[in-house]
Protein backbone atom coordinates (compact mmCIF):
# COMPACT_ATOMS: atom_id res chain seq x y z
CA MET A 1 1.33 16.85 26.55
CA ASN A 2 0.00 18.69 23.51
CA PRO A 3 -3.19 17.27 21.99
CA VAL A 4 -3.14 15.54 18.59
CA ARG A 5 -4.32 18.16 16.09
CA VAL A 6 -6.57 16.59 13.43
CA LEU A 7 -8.05 17.82 10.15
CA VAL A 8 -11.18 15.86 9.16
CA VAL A 9 -11.78 15.46 5.42
CA ASP A 10 -14.95 13.94 3.94
CA ASP A 11 -17.41 15.13 1.31
CA HIS A 12 -20.44 14.05 3.36
CA PRO A 13 -21.39 16.67 6.00
CA VAL A 14 -23.03 14.10 8.30
CA VAL A 15 -19.91 11.91 8.26
CA ARG A 16 -17.65 14.91 8.91
CA SER A 17 -19.81 16.03 11.80
CA GLY A 18 -19.90 12.54 13.29
CA LEU A 19 -16.13 12.09 13.07
CA THR A 20 -15.50 15.54 14.50
CA GLY A 21 -17.78 14.83 17.46
CA LEU A 22 -16.25 11.42 18.06
CA LEU A 23 -12.68 12.73 18.06
CA ALA A 24 -13.44 15.93 19.97
CA ALA A 25 -14.75 13.79 22.83
CA GLU A 26 -11.21 12.51 23.40
CA PRO A 27 -9.23 14.71 25.82
CA ASP A 28 -5.97 14.31 23.90
CA ILE A 29 -7.37 15.03 20.41
CA GLU A 30 -8.27 18.43 18.97
CA VAL A 31 -10.11 18.79 15.65
CA VAL A 32 -8.61 21.94 14.14
CA GLY A 33 -10.57 21.98 10.88
CA GLU A 34 -12.74 20.24 8.31
CA ALA A 35 -12.65 19.98 4.52
CA ALA A 36 -15.17 18.66 1.99
CA ASP A 37 -12.88 17.81 -0.93
CA GLY A 38 -9.27 16.97 -1.69
CA GLN A 39 -8.20 20.43 -2.81
CA ALA A 40 -9.71 22.02 0.29
CA ALA A 41 -7.82 19.43 2.34
CA VAL A 42 -4.51 20.39 0.72
CA ASP A 43 -5.19 24.08 1.37
CA ALA A 44 -6.26 23.47 4.97
CA ALA A 45 -3.26 21.24 5.71
CA ARG A 46 -0.96 23.95 4.40
CA ALA A 47 -2.64 26.63 6.51
CA LEU A 48 -3.31 24.70 9.71
CA ARG A 49 -0.34 22.29 9.82
CA PRO A 50 -2.25 19.59 11.75
CA ASP A 51 -0.51 16.53 13.12
CA LEU A 52 -2.87 14.31 11.15
CA VAL A 53 -5.33 14.48 8.28
CA LEU A 54 -8.19 11.97 8.51
CA MET A 55 -8.84 11.51 4.79
CA ASP A 56 -11.73 10.07 2.79
CA LEU A 57 -10.84 8.65 -0.65
CA ARG A 58 -13.69 9.27 -3.07
CA MET A 59 -14.26 13.03 -3.17
CA PRO A 60 -14.91 15.75 -5.76
CA VAL A 61 -12.33 18.20 -7.16
CA LEU A 62 -9.34 16.14 -5.98
CA ASP A 63 -9.60 12.58 -4.69
CA GLY A 64 -8.13 11.42 -1.40
CA ALA A 65 -5.08 9.65 -2.83
CA ALA A 66 -4.08 12.65 -4.95
CA ALA A 67 -4.67 14.98 -2.00
CA THR A 68 -2.55 12.72 0.21
CA ALA A 69 0.34 12.87 -2.25
CA ARG A 70 0.11 16.68 -2.41
CA ILE A 71 -0.04 17.05 1.37
CA ARG A 72 2.91 14.72 1.94
CA ALA A 73 4.93 16.57 -0.69
CA GLU A 74 4.11 20.08 0.57
CA THR A 75 3.97 19.40 4.32
CA PRO A 76 5.96 16.21 5.09
CA SER A 77 5.43 16.60 8.83
CA VAL A 78 1.67 16.11 8.37
CA HIS A 79 0.60 12.46 8.47
CA VAL A 80 -2.44 11.14 6.62
CA LEU A 81 -4.78 8.41 7.83
CA VAL A 82 -7.23 7.21 5.19
CA LEU A 83 -10.73 6.39 6.46
CA THR A 84 -12.99 5.00 3.76
CA THR A 85 -15.61 2.43 2.85
CA TYR A 86 -13.47 1.21 -0.07
CA GLU A 87 -11.06 -1.70 0.31
CA THR A 88 -10.12 -2.64 -3.25
CA ASP A 89 -6.48 -3.42 -3.96
CA THR A 90 -6.25 -0.40 -6.27
CA ASP A 91 -7.58 2.02 -3.65
CA ILE A 92 -5.32 0.65 -0.94
CA LEU A 93 -2.18 0.70 -3.07
CA ARG A 94 -2.86 4.20 -4.41
CA ALA A 95 -3.25 5.54 -0.88
CA VAL A 96 -0.16 3.80 0.48
CA GLU A 97 1.95 4.81 -2.53
CA ALA A 98 0.73 8.39 -2.07
CA GLY A 99 2.22 8.36 1.42
CA ALA A 100 -0.69 7.52 3.71
CA THR A 101 0.49 6.40 7.15
CA GLY A 102 -2.57 4.23 7.68
CA TYR A 103 -5.74 2.91 6.07
CA LEU A 104 -8.87 2.18 8.10
CA LEU A 105 -12.38 1.26 7.03
CA LYS A 106 -15.40 3.24 8.18
CA ASP A 107 -16.81 0.21 9.99
CA THR A 108 -13.77 0.24 12.29
CA PRO A 109 -14.90 0.22 15.96
CA ARG A 110 -14.60 3.57 17.73
CA GLU A 111 -11.81 2.45 20.06
CA GLN A 112 -9.70 1.18 17.15
CA LEU A 113 -10.33 4.34 15.14
CA VAL A 114 -9.19 6.57 17.99
CA ALA A 115 -6.16 4.37 18.61
CA GLY A 116 -5.39 4.51 14.88
CA VAL A 117 -5.54 8.31 14.91
CA ARG A 118 -3.09 8.47 17.80
CA ALA A 119 -0.74 5.94 16.18
CA ALA A 120 -0.81 7.56 12.74
CA ALA A 121 -0.15 10.99 14.26
CA ARG A 122 3.07 9.50 15.68
CA GLY A 123 3.98 8.23 12.23
CA GLU A 124 3.10 4.62 13.03
CA SER A 125 1.16 2.43 10.61
CA ALA A 126 -2.54 1.94 11.34
CA LEU A 127 -4.16 -0.68 9.14
CA SER A 128 -7.48 -2.50 9.30
CA PRO A 129 -6.90 -6.29 9.41
CA THR A 130 -8.51 -6.72 5.98
CA VAL A 131 -6.29 -4.03 4.50
CA ALA A 132 -3.15 -5.47 6.10
CA ARG A 133 -3.95 -8.88 4.62
CA ARG A 134 -4.47 -7.43 1.15
CA LEU A 135 -1.17 -5.56 1.31
CA VAL A 136 0.70 -8.72 2.32
CA GLU A 137 -0.95 -10.62 -0.53
CA GLN A 138 0.01 -7.89 -2.98
CA LEU A 139 3.62 -7.89 -1.78
CA ARG A 140 3.77 -11.65 -2.21
CA SER A 141 2.34 -11.32 -5.70
CA ASP A 142 4.93 -8.70 -6.64
CA ARG A 143 7.72 -10.85 -5.21
CA ASP A 144 6.59 -13.91 -7.12
CA ARG A 145 6.09 -12.15 -10.44
CA LEU A 146 8.83 -13.27 -12.82
CA SER A 147 10.04 -11.20 -15.75
CA ALA A 148 9.54 -12.48 -19.29
CA ARG A 149 13.22 -13.45 -19.53
CA GLU A 150 13.16 -15.22 -16.16
CA LEU A 151 10.17 -17.23 -17.36
CA GLU A 152 12.01 -18.19 -20.55
CA VAL A 153 15.04 -19.34 -18.57
CA LEU A 154 12.91 -21.28 -16.10
CA ALA A 155 11.01 -22.92 -18.96
CA GLY A 156 14.36 -24.07 -20.35
CA VAL A 157 15.26 -25.55 -16.97
CA ALA A 158 11.91 -27.36 -16.91
CA ARG A 159 12.80 -28.91 -20.28
CA GLY A 160 16.04 -30.23 -18.82
CA LEU A 161 18.37 -27.82 -20.61
CA SER A 162 21.73 -26.81 -19.14
CA ASN A 163 22.59 -23.16 -18.53
CA ALA A 164 24.80 -23.19 -21.61
CA ALA A 165 22.02 -24.66 -23.77
CA ILE A 166 19.51 -22.11 -22.47
CA GLY A 167 21.99 -19.34 -23.24
CA ARG A 168 22.45 -20.55 -26.81
CA GLU A 169 18.70 -20.83 -27.33
CA LEU A 170 18.00 -17.33 -25.98
CA PHE A 171 21.17 -15.75 -27.42
CA ILE A 172 22.45 -14.67 -24.01
CA ALA A 173 25.63 -15.48 -22.08
CA GLU A 174 25.70 -18.43 -19.70
CA ALA A 175 26.54 -16.01 -16.87
CA THR A 176 23.37 -14.06 -17.68
CA VAL A 177 21.36 -17.28 -17.47
CA LYS A 178 22.80 -17.88 -13.99
CA THR A 179 21.86 -14.35 -12.94
CA HIS A 180 18.26 -14.83 -14.09
CA LEU A 181 18.10 -18.14 -12.25
CA LEU A 182 19.40 -16.63 -9.01
CA ARG A 183 16.75 -13.89 -9.19
CA THR A 184 14.11 -16.52 -9.88
CA PHE A 185 15.26 -18.58 -6.88
CA THR A 186 14.95 -15.50 -4.66
CA LYS A 187 11.46 -14.64 -5.91
CA LEU A 188 10.23 -18.20 -5.46
CA GLY A 189 11.99 -18.72 -2.13
CA VAL A 190 13.99 -21.76 -3.30
CA ASP A 191 17.67 -22.61 -3.67
CA ASP A 192 17.87 -25.14 -6.50
CA ARG A 193 16.65 -25.71 -10.05
CA THR A 194 14.40 -28.68 -9.35
CA ARG A 195 12.57 -26.92 -6.53
CA ALA A 196 12.15 -23.79 -8.66
CA VAL A 197 10.43 -25.75 -11.42
CA THR A 198 8.25 -27.64 -8.92
CA ILE A 199 7.08 -24.46 -7.18
CA ALA A 200 6.50 -22.68 -10.50
CA ILE A 201 4.25 -25.51 -11.69
CA GLN A 202 2.38 -25.64 -8.38
CA ARG A 203 1.67 -21.90 -8.56
CA GLY A 204 0.65 -22.00 -12.19
CA ILE A 205 3.65 -19.95 -13.31
CA LEU A 206 4.71 -22.79 -15.61
CA PRO A 207 2.33 -25.26 -17.28
CA ALA A 208 2.27 -28.79 -15.90
CA PRO A 209 4.29 -31.24 -18.01
């Protein structure tokens, strides 16, 4: 079986050297190159066509998320595994949206890091537990976020108005009110008006009466 070909990208020479040594000690992993910034990573990925780029996030010239997006656009067969000390929601989402296959923190134990490299090279997700939890929380937040119109319709329901009355108040058709309510039910995970209002109040989406 061919070894997993890895490009190591980090702007700190000591970190690059340590990662290269750690991975090179594995019989099924070959470090084919190193890069010290995002632009160099894009150039190296284009030239070397590794199976995986092990990518830091905060780097000069071009940051890791931007470099990931460029690499995935130019060489779609090359997977990117982010390895960083940063675990903010913004950093995680930028990396995932850029096309990163995985996101690990630099305090990840050696065995998990090596396993993550192998998994990401196969195109499988490799996420630190903390990162996975944050992504789930973000997805839940996005799902629960109601549009301005959905909030207006739900507020009308909370006041005891019928669909027709809500439509007249908002100058929209009754059928449109029903559509907004159905979307709201889906986002809140409920199937009736009373439950929708109750959940919305519990979550602070609507003010308590």
